[in-house]
Amino acid sequence: MDIDFYTTLFQNHLEEVLRSKEPVNLYDPVNYIMTLGGKRIRPSLALMSCHLFGSEPANALEAAMAVEMFHNFTLIHDDIMDNAQLRRGKKTVHEKWDLNTGILSGDVLMIMSYRQLEKYPPELYQDLMRLFNKTAIEVCEGQQMDMDFEDRTEVGMEEYFKMIEFKTAVLLGCSLAMGASIANASNPDREAIYDFGVNLGLAFQLQDDYLDAFGGSEFGKRIGGDILERKKTFLYIRTLELASDDDRSALLKHYAVRSVHGEALGKKDEALGNTDEASAEERVEQVKRMFQRYGSDKLLRDEIEKLTAIALEKIDRLSIQEKHKDVLRQFSSMMMKRKV
């Protein structure tokens, strides 16, 4: 089975779960964000993992729904914190309704995610909740770290990896491990499939960092957006470590914090809005040339390959059929097919 099979299975279940309820101004925003699109990677992974370890994928539908509801809760609140107007090309929840509705609908969506897991037997429920709670806290910690980085000019590489692991990668690992738990996989298999998800998630995030600077417009993002938003990525951190004193000063000047986090006008908007198009493009090109001068782009590609190799090695450890391992390898290839 490929990923599309599990995505379709989840999508059909989602249509059954979402119903109009009272008060409509609480639940309509929930239904709105849950049907706004997205690749459904996380819930599909929970179903896939359950299936590959020998159980019916439908047995993991509630866990898959819990993961997707939690993920969308984070999107609602992230958009509020970022003062974002669009999500997947549509109005964000707090823009379509209002700020208070965005906060409250996000809160109830988080609670709904936990209620999904109540449908499992007590012992399994405890195992799932233990992992889910650990992951939820880590995602919040990762978000706080990312926010803290906005107000700093220097961030250590170890801090950066911890941030992207918590904010992005752990939810992939959680999805896979929950599916494995529902299929009654062994503890070593649960650990290996979790580690596979985390390492692949890290590689994917690093690839995203690379493509933001050196990809093409076909990836649907403005090239250099992370530079304009002064995000402390691998490229920035490694270049800052390697640069001469003069280049280091120039790079710090490019990334100087222009506003205090928490103002009504977020730094993302300020960084983009107060720079005309020509000077913005020139600043991006200057920073990219510096990244390349110190070889940070190559070091990043090497790190992506290293993490992808670690993820694939975790697949080899699993006590499942080789054809099932191939499904995970194919998924890894699909995730990392964007050229770097």
Protein backbone atom coordinates (compact mmCIF):
# COMPACT_ATOMS: atom_id res chain seq x y z
CA MET A 1 0.00 0.00 0.00
CA ASP A 2 1.25 3.51 -0.74
CA ILE A 3 0.66 6.62 1.32
CA ASP A 4 -2.40 7.57 -0.74
CA PHE A 5 -4.29 4.52 0.54
CA TYR A 6 -3.88 5.62 4.14
CA THR A 7 -4.59 9.27 3.32
CA THR A 8 -7.89 8.30 1.68
CA LEU A 9 -8.82 6.08 4.61
CA PHE A 10 -8.20 8.92 7.03
CA GLN A 11 -9.99 11.49 4.89
CA ASN A 12 -13.12 9.33 4.76
CA HIS A 13 -13.03 8.97 8.54
CA LEU A 14 -12.57 12.72 8.96
CA GLU A 15 -15.75 13.39 6.98
CA GLU A 16 -17.63 11.09 9.36
CA VAL A 17 -16.20 12.74 12.49
CA LEU A 18 -16.78 16.39 11.60
CA ARG A 19 -20.33 17.49 12.26
CA SER A 20 -21.94 20.88 12.78
CA LYS A 21 -22.49 21.42 16.49
CA GLU A 22 -23.55 24.20 18.81
CA PRO A 23 -22.28 26.80 19.43
CA VAL A 24 -21.48 27.20 15.75
CA ASN A 25 -18.94 29.97 16.38
CA LEU A 26 -16.86 27.47 18.35
CA TYR A 27 -17.16 24.41 16.11
CA ASP A 28 -17.36 25.96 12.64
CA PRO A 29 -13.75 27.23 12.98
CA VAL A 30 -12.70 23.71 14.06
CA ASN A 31 -14.31 22.18 10.98
CA TYR A 32 -12.83 24.96 8.84
CA ILE A 33 -9.20 24.36 9.84
CA MET A 34 -9.61 20.57 9.74
CA THR A 35 -10.87 20.68 6.14
CA LEU A 36 -8.49 23.37 4.90
CA GLY A 37 -6.24 20.83 3.22
CA GLY A 38 -2.74 19.63 3.92
CA LYS A 39 -1.04 16.36 3.03
CA ARG A 40 -2.29 14.46 6.12
CA ILE A 41 1.20 12.98 6.52
CA ARG A 42 1.01 12.50 10.29
CA PRO A 43 -2.31 10.64 10.50
CA SER A 44 -1.39 8.58 7.44
CA LEU A 45 1.82 7.51 9.19
CA ALA A 46 -0.13 6.29 12.21
CA LEU A 47 -2.35 4.16 9.96
CA MET A 48 0.62 2.91 7.91
CA SER A 49 2.62 1.92 10.97
CA CYS A 50 -0.31 0.03 12.48
CA HIS A 51 -0.78 -1.83 9.19
CA LEU A 52 2.90 -2.68 8.67
CA PHE A 53 3.07 -4.19 12.14
CA GLY A 54 0.22 -6.56 11.34
CA SER A 55 -3.01 -4.87 12.42
CA GLU A 56 -5.87 -3.40 10.43
CA PRO A 57 -5.10 0.27 9.71
CA ALA A 58 -8.64 1.20 10.72
CA ASN A 59 -7.72 0.26 14.31
CA ALA A 60 -5.49 3.35 14.40
CA LEU A 61 -8.05 5.84 13.06
CA GLU A 62 -8.72 7.40 16.46
CA ALA A 63 -5.00 7.85 17.15
CA ALA A 64 -4.54 9.29 13.67
CA MET A 65 -7.37 11.72 14.33
CA ALA A 66 -5.84 12.70 17.68
CA VAL A 67 -2.54 13.53 15.99
CA GLU A 68 -4.17 15.54 13.20
CA MET A 69 -6.42 17.46 15.58
CA PHE A 70 -3.47 18.34 17.76
CA HIS A 71 -1.44 19.41 14.73
CA ASN A 72 -4.24 21.71 13.56
CA PHE A 73 -4.62 23.15 17.05
CA THR A 74 -0.97 24.17 16.86
CA LEU A 75 -1.57 25.76 13.45
CA ILE A 76 -4.41 27.93 14.78
CA HIS A 77 -2.30 29.19 17.66
CA ASP A 78 0.88 29.53 15.58
CA ASP A 79 -1.02 31.75 13.14
CA ILE A 80 -2.18 33.93 16.02
CA MET A 81 1.34 34.24 17.40
CA ASP A 82 2.74 35.02 13.93
CA ASN A 83 -0.05 37.48 13.12
CA ALA A 84 -0.51 35.43 9.93
CA GLN A 85 -3.35 36.24 7.55
CA LEU A 86 -3.26 33.15 5.33
CA ARG A 87 -2.99 29.42 5.90
CA ARG A 88 -2.82 27.18 2.81
CA GLY A 89 -4.00 30.10 0.70
CA LYS A 90 -7.11 30.75 2.80
CA LYS A 91 -7.85 33.12 5.68
CA THR A 92 -6.51 31.98 9.02
CA VAL A 93 -9.08 31.18 11.70
CA HIS A 94 -8.50 34.35 13.70
CA GLU A 95 -8.77 36.45 10.53
CA LYS A 96 -11.96 34.77 9.30
CA TRP A 97 -13.57 35.01 12.73
CA ASP A 98 -11.70 36.95 15.43
CA LEU A 99 -8.82 36.57 17.88
CA ASN A 100 -10.88 35.27 20.80
CA THR A 101 -12.62 32.71 18.61
CA GLY A 102 -9.25 31.58 17.29
CA ILE A 103 -7.91 31.01 20.79
CA LEU A 104 -11.01 29.20 22.03
CA SER A 105 -11.51 27.02 18.96
CA GLY A 106 -7.84 26.04 19.15
CA ASP A 107 -8.30 25.11 22.80
CA VAL A 108 -11.34 22.92 22.15
CA LEU A 109 -9.57 21.25 19.22
CA MET A 110 -6.71 20.27 21.51
CA ILE A 111 -9.18 18.80 24.01
CA MET A 112 -10.96 16.95 21.20
CA SER A 113 -7.64 15.39 20.22
CA TYR A 114 -7.29 13.86 23.67
CA ARG A 115 -10.86 12.55 23.64
CA GLN A 116 -10.09 10.50 20.54
CA LEU A 117 -7.73 8.32 22.57
CA GLU A 118 -10.40 7.51 25.17
CA LYS A 119 -11.76 4.91 22.74
CA TYR A 120 -8.82 2.55 23.32
CA PRO A 121 -8.63 -0.12 26.09
CA PRO A 122 -7.23 1.16 29.42
CA GLU A 123 -3.71 -0.25 29.20
CA LEU A 124 -3.24 0.82 25.58
CA TYR A 125 -4.81 4.18 26.39
CA GLN A 126 -2.20 4.77 29.09
CA ASP A 127 0.64 3.95 26.69
CA LEU A 128 -0.75 6.22 23.99
CA MET A 129 -1.44 9.08 26.39
CA ARG A 130 2.05 8.87 27.87
CA LEU A 131 3.64 9.31 24.45
CA PHE A 132 1.07 11.86 23.30
CA ASN A 133 1.55 14.04 26.38
CA LYS A 134 5.34 13.89 26.07
CA THR A 135 5.10 14.91 22.42
CA ALA A 136 2.59 17.69 23.06
CA ILE A 137 4.85 19.27 25.69
CA GLU A 138 7.87 19.00 23.39
CA VAL A 139 5.99 20.69 20.54
CA CYS A 140 5.15 23.60 22.86
CA GLU A 141 8.76 23.76 24.05
CA GLY A 142 9.95 23.81 20.44
CA GLN A 143 7.56 26.65 19.61
CA GLN A 144 8.80 28.67 22.59
CA MET A 145 12.40 28.10 21.57
CA ASP A 146 11.62 29.28 18.05
CA MET A 147 10.00 32.41 19.45
CA ASP A 148 12.96 33.01 21.76
CA PHE A 149 15.36 32.72 18.82
CA GLU A 150 13.61 35.63 17.11
CA ASP A 151 14.91 37.99 19.78
CA ARG A 152 18.49 36.68 19.64
CA THR A 153 21.20 37.23 17.04
CA GLU A 154 23.18 34.11 18.02
CA VAL A 155 21.84 30.59 18.48
CA GLY A 156 23.89 27.45 19.04
CA MET A 157 23.62 24.56 16.59
CA GLU A 158 22.64 22.17 19.38
CA GLU A 159 19.82 24.52 20.38
CA TYR A 160 18.66 24.75 16.78
CA PHE A 161 18.51 20.97 16.33
CA LYS A 162 16.59 20.59 19.56
CA MET A 163 14.11 23.25 18.42
CA ILE A 164 13.37 21.64 15.05
CA GLU A 165 13.23 18.19 16.64
CA PHE A 166 10.62 19.31 19.15
CA LYS A 167 8.65 21.64 16.91
CA THR A 168 8.51 19.37 13.86
CA ALA A 169 10.11 15.95 14.04
CA VAL A 170 8.71 14.46 17.27
CA LEU A 171 5.12 14.51 15.98
CA LEU A 172 6.18 12.31 13.04
CA GLY A 173 7.86 9.90 15.45
CA CYS A 174 4.82 9.97 17.73
CA SER A 175 2.45 9.14 14.86
CA LEU A 176 4.48 6.10 13.84
CA ALA A 177 5.01 4.87 17.40
CA MET A 178 1.31 5.17 18.24
CA GLY A 179 0.40 3.08 15.22
CA ALA A 180 2.97 0.48 16.25
CA SER A 181 1.61 0.41 19.81
CA ILE A 182 -1.93 -0.21 18.58
CA ALA A 183 -0.60 -3.15 16.56
CA ASN A 184 1.10 -4.47 19.73
CA ALA A 185 4.61 -4.11 18.33
CA SER A 186 7.54 -4.86 20.61
CA ASN A 187 9.27 -2.09 22.55
CA PRO A 188 12.42 -2.25 20.34
CA ASP A 189 10.23 -1.91 17.24
CA ARG A 190 8.35 1.03 18.73
CA GLU A 191 11.61 2.76 19.56
CA ALA A 192 13.06 2.09 16.11
CA ILE A 193 9.99 3.33 14.24
CA TYR A 194 9.88 6.43 16.46
CA ASP A 195 13.56 7.15 15.78
CA PHE A 196 12.94 6.63 12.06
CA GLY A 197 10.24 9.31 12.13
CA VAL A 198 12.30 11.79 14.14
CA ASN A 199 15.40 11.50 11.95
CA LEU A 200 13.39 11.72 8.75
CA GLY A 201 11.57 14.74 10.17
CA LEU A 202 14.88 16.43 10.96
CA ALA A 203 16.19 15.73 7.46
CA PHE A 204 12.99 17.10 5.94
CA GLN A 205 13.18 20.31 7.98
CA LEU A 206 16.83 20.85 7.02
CA GLN A 207 15.92 20.27 3.39
CA ASP A 208 13.22 22.91 3.78
CA ASP A 209 15.86 25.32 5.13
CA TYR A 210 18.07 24.64 2.13
CA LEU A 211 15.30 25.02 -0.45
CA ASP A 212 14.15 28.25 1.13
CA ALA A 213 17.50 29.77 0.18
CA PHE A 214 18.57 27.78 -2.87
CA GLY A 215 15.41 26.18 -4.25
CA GLY A 216 13.19 27.43 -7.06
CA SER A 217 9.82 29.14 -7.17
CA GLU A 218 8.20 25.78 -7.97
CA PHE A 219 8.31 24.98 -4.25
CA GLY A 220 5.65 27.62 -3.59
CA LYS A 221 7.76 29.77 -1.30
CA ARG A 222 9.45 33.09 -1.77
CA ILE A 223 13.16 32.39 -2.14
CA GLY A 224 15.04 33.82 0.82
CA GLY A 225 11.99 34.14 3.04
CA ASP A 226 13.89 32.77 6.03
CA ILE A 227 16.64 35.35 5.44
CA LEU A 228 14.16 38.22 5.27
CA GLU A 229 12.41 36.96 8.39
CA ARG A 230 15.80 36.62 10.13
CA LYS A 231 15.24 32.97 10.98
CA LYS A 232 18.17 31.31 12.71
CA THR A 233 18.61 28.31 10.43
CA PHE A 234 21.48 25.85 9.97
CA LEU A 235 22.88 28.02 7.17
CA TYR A 236 22.98 31.12 9.35
CA ILE A 237 24.35 29.40 12.44
CA ARG A 238 27.10 27.50 10.63
CA THR A 239 28.17 30.55 8.60
CA LEU A 240 28.34 32.66 11.73
CA GLU A 241 30.64 30.03 13.26
CA LEU A 242 32.96 29.95 10.24
CA ALA A 243 32.97 33.58 9.10
CA SER A 244 35.82 36.07 9.38
CA ASP A 245 35.34 38.94 11.82
CA ASP A 246 34.25 41.30 9.03
CA ASP A 247 31.82 38.84 7.47
CA ARG A 248 30.51 37.89 10.88
CA SER A 249 29.75 41.54 11.64
CA ALA A 250 28.05 41.95 8.26
CA LEU A 251 25.91 38.85 8.79
CA LEU A 252 24.91 39.95 12.28
CA LYS A 253 23.90 43.31 10.81
CA HIS A 254 21.68 41.59 8.25
CA TYR A 255 20.01 39.58 11.03
CA ALA A 256 19.76 42.39 13.59
CA VAL A 257 16.50 42.24 15.53
CA ARG A 258 14.30 45.13 14.45
CA SER A 259 11.38 44.83 16.85
CA VAL A 260 10.39 43.29 20.14
CA HIS A 261 8.49 40.00 20.00
CA GLY A 262 4.88 40.37 20.94
CA GLU A 263 4.17 43.69 19.28
CA ALA A 264 1.01 43.89 17.20
CA LEU A 265 3.20 44.04 14.08
CA GLY A 266 5.18 40.80 14.12
CA LYS A 267 8.84 40.66 13.09
CA LYS A 268 7.95 38.64 10.04
CA ASP A 269 5.66 41.37 8.78
CA GLU A 270 8.12 44.08 9.81
CA ALA A 271 11.07 42.42 8.13
CA LEU A 272 9.21 42.06 4.87
CA GLY A 273 7.10 45.19 4.99
CA ASN A 274 9.79 47.76 5.74
CA THR A 275 12.07 46.60 2.94
CA ASP A 276 11.36 47.51 -0.68
CA GLU A 277 11.53 44.68 -3.20
CA ALA A 278 14.88 45.59 -4.76
CA SER A 279 16.77 45.99 -1.51
CA ALA A 280 15.16 42.82 -0.13
CA GLU A 281 16.34 40.77 -3.09
CA GLU A 282 19.83 42.25 -2.83
CA ARG A 283 20.02 41.45 0.88
CA VAL A 284 18.98 37.86 0.18
CA GLU A 285 21.63 37.50 -2.52
CA GLN A 286 24.34 38.97 -0.28
CA VAL A 287 23.54 36.56 2.53
CA LYS A 288 23.30 33.56 0.17
CA ARG A 289 26.71 34.40 -1.30
CA MET A 290 28.13 34.44 2.19
CA PHE A 291 26.54 31.06 2.96
CA GLN A 292 28.21 29.65 -0.15
CA ARG A 293 31.56 31.32 0.46
CA TYR A 294 31.93 29.42 3.74
CA GLY A 295 30.52 26.18 2.35
CA SER A 296 27.51 26.16 4.66
CA ASP A 297 25.27 25.06 1.80
CA LYS A 298 27.39 21.94 1.23
CA LEU A 299 27.58 21.23 4.96
CA LEU A 300 23.79 21.40 5.10
CA ARG A 301 23.42 18.97 2.20
CA ASP A 302 25.82 16.61 3.96
CA GLU A 303 23.75 16.81 7.15
CA ILE A 304 20.56 16.04 5.23
CA GLU A 305 22.17 12.95 3.71
CA LYS A 306 23.47 11.86 7.11
CA LEU A 307 20.08 12.13 8.83
CA THR A 308 18.31 10.41 5.94
CA ALA A 309 20.81 7.54 6.17
CA ILE A 310 20.20 7.24 9.92
CA ALA A 311 16.45 7.11 9.30
CA LEU A 312 16.85 4.35 6.72
CA GLU A 313 19.12 2.40 9.06
CA LYS A 314 16.30 2.42 11.65
CA ILE A 315 14.08 0.67 9.10
CA ASP A 316 16.59 -2.19 8.84
CA ARG A 317 16.20 -2.85 12.57
CA LEU A 318 12.45 -3.44 12.39
CA SER A 319 11.15 -7.00 12.77
CA ILE A 320 8.67 -6.71 9.90
CA GLN A 321 8.62 -8.25 6.44
CA GLU A 322 11.04 -6.87 3.88
CA LYS A 323 8.18 -5.75 1.63
CA HIS A 324 6.86 -3.70 4.54
CA LYS A 325 10.27 -2.15 5.08
CA ASP A 326 10.17 -1.20 1.40
CA VAL A 327 6.95 0.74 2.03
CA LEU A 328 8.80 2.87 4.59
CA ARG A 329 11.75 3.30 2.24
CA GLN A 330 9.39 4.45 -0.51
CA PHE A 331 7.77 6.90 1.89
CA SER A 332 11.21 8.27 2.82
CA SER A 333 12.01 8.73 -0.85
CA MET A 334 8.72 10.56 -1.41
CA MET A 335 9.38 12.88 1.54
CA MET A 336 12.91 13.72 0.40
CA LYS A 337 12.37 13.79 -3.38
CA ARG A 338 12.72 17.56 -3.57
CA LYS A 339 16.13 18.25 -5.06
CA VAL A 340 18.84 19.89 -2.93
